[in-house]
Amino acid sequence: MMDERNSGPASAGPVFDAAALATRVLSGAVLAALVGLVCLEAFLRGAFNYSLGFAEELTGYCVVLLTFFGAALALRANALFQVHFLFDSYSPKVRVWVQRIFVIVALIVCVILAWKAKDLTLSSFSRNRFAATVLRTPLWIPQPGFWFAMIRASASSISSQRTSTTSAWLWFRARPTNTR
């Protein structure tokens, strides 16, 4: 049975589904690597009194990546904090418009943040900036991850809006009409 979200003449549902799957797989791999790195660091410190100097920097990058990817997945699943008693009091038509306004504002914020992150990355690249850490990572290497996260969040908002619009359309279409 085909999901109604993935139907229509020009549906991008499979694209959004593939992006969400890739995000989940990448998040799972990063989380597994993060747990492995922290366990290895704890073992080496406890057993041999030796520390991996780069573990703190890499775990920081992983935590930030997981935060942004988790937010994108939560937005797509409509699992963010909501005030249901207020939202549920609206008619379905008003709910659709509130969600549309939310998506537009979220898209504007994501585009501005991605744009500023691009400027920051290009500045770090042109000035040859490095992190003040053991690895001395060039700052332009992890910074594009923020671009990707903002683009992913934008795609999640579009996907959630598409789903809510489809649900509202099906609700309005399924309403009985008064035929006299």
Protein backbone atom coordinates (compact mmCIF):
# COMPACT_ATOMS: atom_id res chain seq x y z
CA MET A 1 0.00 0.00 0.00
CA MET A 2 1.41 3.39 -0.98
CA ASP A 3 1.53 6.17 1.61
CA GLU A 4 -0.53 9.23 0.66
CA ARG A 5 2.49 11.44 1.39
CA ASN A 6 4.39 9.88 -1.51
CA SER A 7 1.70 10.20 -4.13
CA GLY A 8 0.84 12.74 -6.75
CA PRO A 9 2.16 13.68 -10.15
CA ALA A 10 5.30 15.46 -8.90
CA SER A 11 5.69 14.20 -5.37
CA ALA A 12 9.09 14.66 -3.77
CA GLY A 13 8.13 12.31 -0.94
CA PRO A 14 10.68 9.62 -1.85
CA VAL A 15 13.43 12.27 -1.91
CA PHE A 16 12.52 13.46 1.58
CA ASP A 17 12.19 9.87 2.80
CA ALA A 18 15.64 9.03 1.41
CA ALA A 19 17.12 12.16 3.04
CA ALA A 20 15.56 11.20 6.38
CA LEU A 21 16.88 7.65 6.06
CA ALA A 22 20.38 8.94 5.25
CA THR A 23 20.20 11.28 8.24
CA ARG A 24 19.13 8.44 10.56
CA VAL A 25 21.89 6.14 9.28
CA LEU A 26 24.54 8.85 9.58
CA SER A 27 23.31 9.80 13.05
CA GLY A 28 23.45 6.17 14.14
CA ALA A 29 26.99 5.77 12.79
CA VAL A 30 28.15 8.98 14.47
CA LEU A 31 26.52 7.93 17.75
CA ALA A 32 28.20 4.51 17.61
CA ALA A 33 31.57 6.13 16.86
CA LEU A 34 31.03 8.61 19.69
CA VAL A 35 30.25 5.86 22.19
CA GLY A 36 33.27 3.85 21.00
CA LEU A 37 35.59 6.85 21.29
CA VAL A 38 34.38 7.74 24.79
CA CYS A 39 34.68 4.12 25.94
CA LEU A 40 38.18 3.85 24.47
CA GLU A 41 39.20 7.10 26.17
CA ALA A 42 37.81 5.91 29.52
CA PHE A 43 39.54 2.53 29.17
CA LEU A 44 42.90 4.05 28.25
CA ARG A 45 42.74 6.54 31.10
CA GLY A 46 41.71 3.92 33.64
CA ALA A 47 43.97 1.07 32.55
CA PHE A 48 47.09 2.82 31.26
CA ASN A 49 46.81 6.39 32.56
CA TYR A 50 46.98 7.54 28.92
CA SER A 51 44.67 9.97 27.17
CA LEU A 52 43.85 10.45 23.53
CA GLY A 53 44.41 14.16 23.14
CA PHE A 54 41.96 14.51 20.28
CA ALA A 55 38.99 12.73 21.87
CA GLU A 56 37.49 15.85 23.41
CA GLU A 57 37.54 17.76 20.12
CA LEU A 58 36.02 14.93 18.10
CA THR A 59 33.31 14.25 20.67
CA GLY A 60 32.39 17.93 20.56
CA TYR A 61 31.97 17.80 16.79
CA CYS A 62 29.91 14.62 17.08
CA VAL A 63 27.60 16.06 19.73
CA VAL A 64 26.91 19.16 17.63
CA LEU A 65 26.22 17.03 14.55
CA LEU A 66 23.85 14.78 16.50
CA THR A 67 22.04 17.81 17.92
CA PHE A 68 21.34 19.33 14.51
CA PHE A 69 20.44 16.04 12.85
CA GLY A 70 18.21 15.11 15.79
CA ALA A 71 16.41 18.43 15.49
CA ALA A 72 15.86 17.87 11.76
CA LEU A 73 14.47 14.39 12.36
CA ALA A 74 12.26 15.61 15.21
CA LEU A 75 10.91 18.40 13.01
CA ARG A 76 10.10 15.93 10.24
CA ALA A 77 8.37 13.56 12.68
CA ASN A 78 6.43 16.48 14.20
CA ALA A 79 7.87 15.48 17.57
CA LEU A 80 8.93 18.89 18.79
CA PHE A 81 7.40 20.50 21.85
CA GLN A 82 3.94 21.79 21.05
CA VAL A 83 1.18 23.37 23.07
CA HIS A 84 -1.47 20.81 22.16
CA PHE A 85 -4.29 22.23 24.26
CA LEU A 86 -4.01 25.48 22.31
CA PHE A 87 -3.22 23.95 18.93
CA ASP A 88 -6.04 21.39 19.19
CA SER A 89 -8.57 24.15 19.91
CA TYR A 90 -8.07 25.56 16.40
CA SER A 91 -10.08 24.39 13.45
CA PRO A 92 -8.22 22.19 10.94
CA LYS A 93 -8.07 25.09 8.49
CA VAL A 94 -6.41 27.37 11.07
CA ARG A 95 -4.00 24.59 12.08
CA VAL A 96 -2.83 24.28 8.48
CA TRP A 97 -2.19 28.03 8.29
CA VAL A 98 -0.36 28.08 11.65
CA GLN A 99 1.84 25.24 10.41
CA ARG A 100 2.47 27.04 7.13
CA ILE A 101 3.51 30.20 8.96
CA PHE A 102 5.80 28.15 11.20
CA VAL A 103 7.41 26.52 8.17
CA ILE A 104 7.93 29.87 6.44
CA VAL A 105 9.55 31.37 9.55
CA ALA A 106 11.69 28.23 10.02
CA LEU A 107 12.80 28.36 6.39
CA ILE A 108 13.75 32.03 6.69
CA VAL A 109 15.77 31.35 9.86
CA CYS A 110 17.48 28.31 8.30
CA VAL A 111 18.38 30.22 5.14
CA ILE A 112 19.83 33.14 7.13
CA LEU A 113 21.82 30.81 9.38
CA ALA A 114 23.12 28.80 6.41
CA TRP A 115 24.09 32.02 4.62
CA LYS A 116 25.97 33.36 7.65
CA ALA A 117 27.63 29.97 8.20
CA LYS A 118 28.79 30.06 4.58
CA ASP A 119 30.30 33.51 5.15
CA LEU A 120 32.01 32.28 8.32
CA THR A 121 33.41 29.23 6.54
CA LEU A 122 34.74 31.27 3.64
CA SER A 123 36.30 33.73 6.11
CA SER A 124 37.94 30.89 8.05
CA PHE A 125 39.26 29.44 4.80
CA SER A 126 40.66 32.72 3.48
CA ARG A 127 42.27 33.60 6.82
CA ASN A 128 43.60 30.05 7.31
CA ARG A 129 42.10 29.73 10.82
CA PHE A 130 42.75 26.65 12.96
CA ALA A 131 41.11 25.36 16.13
CA ALA A 132 43.14 25.95 19.28
CA THR A 133 43.13 22.24 20.09
CA VAL A 134 45.47 19.27 19.87
CA LEU A 135 44.38 18.38 16.33
CA ARG A 136 44.62 21.99 15.11
CA THR A 137 41.72 21.29 12.79
CA PRO A 138 41.25 23.93 10.11
CA LEU A 139 37.97 25.61 11.07
CA TRP A 140 36.62 25.46 7.53
CA ILE A 141 36.46 21.63 7.73
CA PRO A 142 33.73 21.20 10.41
CA GLN A 143 31.86 24.42 9.60
CA PRO A 144 30.14 23.18 6.40
CA GLY A 145 28.43 20.58 8.59
CA PHE A 146 26.32 23.45 9.90
CA TRP A 147 25.30 24.33 6.34
CA PHE A 148 24.25 20.75 5.74
CA ALA A 149 22.31 20.70 9.01
CA MET A 150 20.44 23.89 8.09
CA ILE A 151 19.64 22.59 4.62
CA ARG A 152 18.46 19.33 6.19
CA ALA A 153 16.27 21.22 8.68
CA SER A 154 14.80 23.21 5.78
CA ALA A 155 14.00 20.01 3.91
CA SER A 156 12.41 18.61 7.07
CA SER A 157 10.18 21.66 7.42
CA ILE A 158 9.12 21.43 3.79
CA SER A 159 8.46 17.71 4.24
CA SER A 160 6.40 18.28 7.41
CA GLN A 161 4.43 21.06 5.70
CA ARG A 162 3.76 18.83 2.71
CA THR A 163 2.52 16.10 5.04
CA SER A 164 0.27 18.44 7.06
CA THR A 165 -1.14 20.02 3.90
CA THR A 166 -1.89 16.58 2.48
CA SER A 167 -3.58 15.54 5.74
CA ALA A 168 -5.70 18.70 5.78
CA TRP A 169 -6.63 18.24 2.13
CA LEU A 170 -7.71 14.65 2.78
CA TRP A 171 -9.73 15.81 5.80
CA PHE A 172 -11.53 18.52 3.82
CA ARG A 173 -12.12 16.15 0.90
CA ALA A 174 -13.53 13.46 3.21
CA ARG A 175 -16.02 15.83 4.88
CA PRO A 176 -19.61 14.99 4.02
CA THR A 177 -21.33 17.61 1.93
CA ASN A 178 -24.89 18.71 2.40
CA THR A 179 -26.81 17.57 -0.65
CA ARG A 180 -30.49 18.54 -0.76
